[in-house]
Protein backbone atom coordinates (compact mmCIF):
# COMPACT_ATOMS: atom_id res chain seq x y z
CA MET A 1 110.21 88.75 95.70
CA LEU A 2 107.96 89.04 92.64
CA ALA A 3 110.78 88.66 90.09
CA GLY A 4 109.64 85.30 88.71
CA VAL A 5 105.90 86.02 88.68
CA PRO A 6 104.39 86.85 85.25
CA LYS A 7 102.79 90.29 84.90
CA PRO A 8 99.26 89.00 84.09
CA VAL A 9 99.23 87.06 87.36
CA ILE A 10 100.08 90.23 89.31
CA VAL A 11 97.35 92.19 87.49
CA VAL A 12 94.71 89.51 88.11
CA ALA A 13 95.71 89.20 91.78
CA GLY A 14 95.53 92.98 92.23
CA ALA A 15 92.12 93.16 90.56
CA TYR A 16 90.90 90.32 92.76
CA LEU A 17 92.06 92.08 95.92
CA ILE A 18 90.43 95.35 94.89
CA ALA A 19 87.15 93.62 94.06
CA PHE A 20 87.18 91.54 97.24
CA PHE A 21 87.94 94.49 99.51
CA ALA A 22 85.36 96.70 97.76
CA LEU A 23 82.66 94.08 98.18
CA ALA A 24 83.71 93.45 101.79
CA SER A 25 83.48 97.15 102.57
CA GLY A 26 79.87 97.47 101.43
CA LEU A 27 79.90 98.30 97.73
CA VAL A 28 76.50 96.70 97.15
CA ASN A 29 74.87 98.66 100.00
CA ALA A 30 76.40 101.89 98.77
CA ALA A 31 75.28 101.23 95.20
CA THR A 32 71.69 100.39 96.14
CA GLU A 33 70.88 102.68 99.06
CA GLY A 34 73.39 105.52 98.99
CA SER A 35 73.68 106.17 95.28
CA GLY A 36 71.85 109.51 95.14
CA ILE A 37 73.41 111.05 98.23
CA GLY A 38 76.01 113.78 97.73
CA ALA A 39 77.59 113.59 101.19
CA PHE A 40 80.83 111.75 101.87
CA LEU A 41 79.81 110.33 105.25
CA LEU A 42 76.37 109.86 106.75
CA PRO A 43 75.91 109.50 110.52
CA THR A 44 73.53 106.57 110.20
CA ARG A 45 74.16 102.85 110.26
CA GLY A 46 71.57 101.93 107.66
CA VAL A 47 72.87 103.83 104.64
CA GLN A 48 76.38 103.87 103.25
CA THR A 49 77.82 106.16 100.58
CA MET A 50 80.46 105.47 97.93
CA GLY A 51 82.87 107.69 99.86
CA GLU A 52 82.54 105.50 102.91
CA THR A 53 83.09 102.42 100.77
CA ALA A 54 86.28 103.92 99.36
CA ALA A 55 87.48 104.87 102.84
CA ILE A 56 86.81 101.40 104.25
CA THR A 57 88.53 99.81 101.25
CA MET A 58 91.61 101.95 101.92
CA ILE A 59 91.53 100.96 105.60
CA LEU A 60 91.49 97.31 104.56
CA PHE A 61 94.50 97.88 102.29
CA ILE A 62 96.37 99.61 105.12
CA GLY A 63 95.64 96.63 107.35
CA MET A 64 96.81 94.25 104.64
CA ALA A 65 100.07 96.18 104.38
CA GLY A 66 100.52 95.79 108.15
CA VAL A 67 99.93 92.05 107.94
CA PHE A 68 102.42 91.84 105.06
CA LEU A 69 105.04 93.63 107.18
CA LEU A 70 104.41 91.15 109.98
CA TYR A 71 104.86 88.31 107.50
CA ARG A 72 108.12 89.82 106.28
CA SER A 73 109.38 90.02 109.87
CA GLY A 74 109.15 86.25 110.10
CA GLN A 75 111.02 85.78 106.82
CA SER A 76 114.04 87.97 107.65
CA PRO A 77 117.14 86.27 109.08
CA VAL A 78 118.56 89.51 110.57
CA PRO A 79 117.21 90.26 114.09
CA LYS A 80 117.33 94.05 113.65
CA THR A 81 115.32 93.81 110.44
CA GLN A 82 112.86 91.47 112.14
CA THR A 83 112.32 94.00 114.91
CA THR A 84 111.85 96.83 112.42
CA PHE A 85 109.33 94.89 110.34
CA LEU A 86 107.51 93.75 113.48
CA ALA A 87 107.23 97.29 114.86
CA ALA A 88 106.18 98.70 111.49
CA GLY A 89 103.61 95.94 111.01
CA PHE A 90 101.98 96.41 114.40
CA GLY A 91 102.13 100.19 113.97
CA THR A 92 100.41 99.99 110.59
CA LEU A 93 97.76 97.64 111.95
CA GLY A 94 97.23 100.02 114.87
CA ILE A 95 96.77 102.95 112.49
CA ALA A 96 94.25 101.00 110.39
CA THR A 97 92.34 99.96 113.50
CA PHE A 98 92.33 103.53 114.85
CA ILE A 99 91.03 104.97 111.56
CA GLY A 100 88.37 102.25 111.44
CA TYR A 101 87.21 103.07 114.95
CA LEU A 102 87.08 106.77 114.08
CA LEU A 103 84.87 105.98 111.11
CA VAL A 104 82.59 103.80 113.24
CA ASN A 105 82.42 106.52 115.91
CA VAL A 106 81.17 109.01 113.31
CA LYS A 107 78.64 106.48 112.00
CA LEU A 108 77.09 105.93 115.43
């Protein structure tokens, strides 16, 4: 699928996704308010640590993988492969959602 894409384009796209997901998961809040805290997870909604930012970034990547599997299910001409990609995509999205809710439950 990525056979014709030049390597610098893949590197720039990967760096963009990492930066976008890190900023979306609260990197600025963690850098300003939670920089001196040694804990991984704080049970407060006002302060976020770098560990939480890394965990939320990984949750976003898991969700993106699920969406990619759902996309691949629509591209496959074989019905059995479509079903497998569809089930794996929804399963992966479910796992990402469940982990996200667990993290929010600890934060509250």
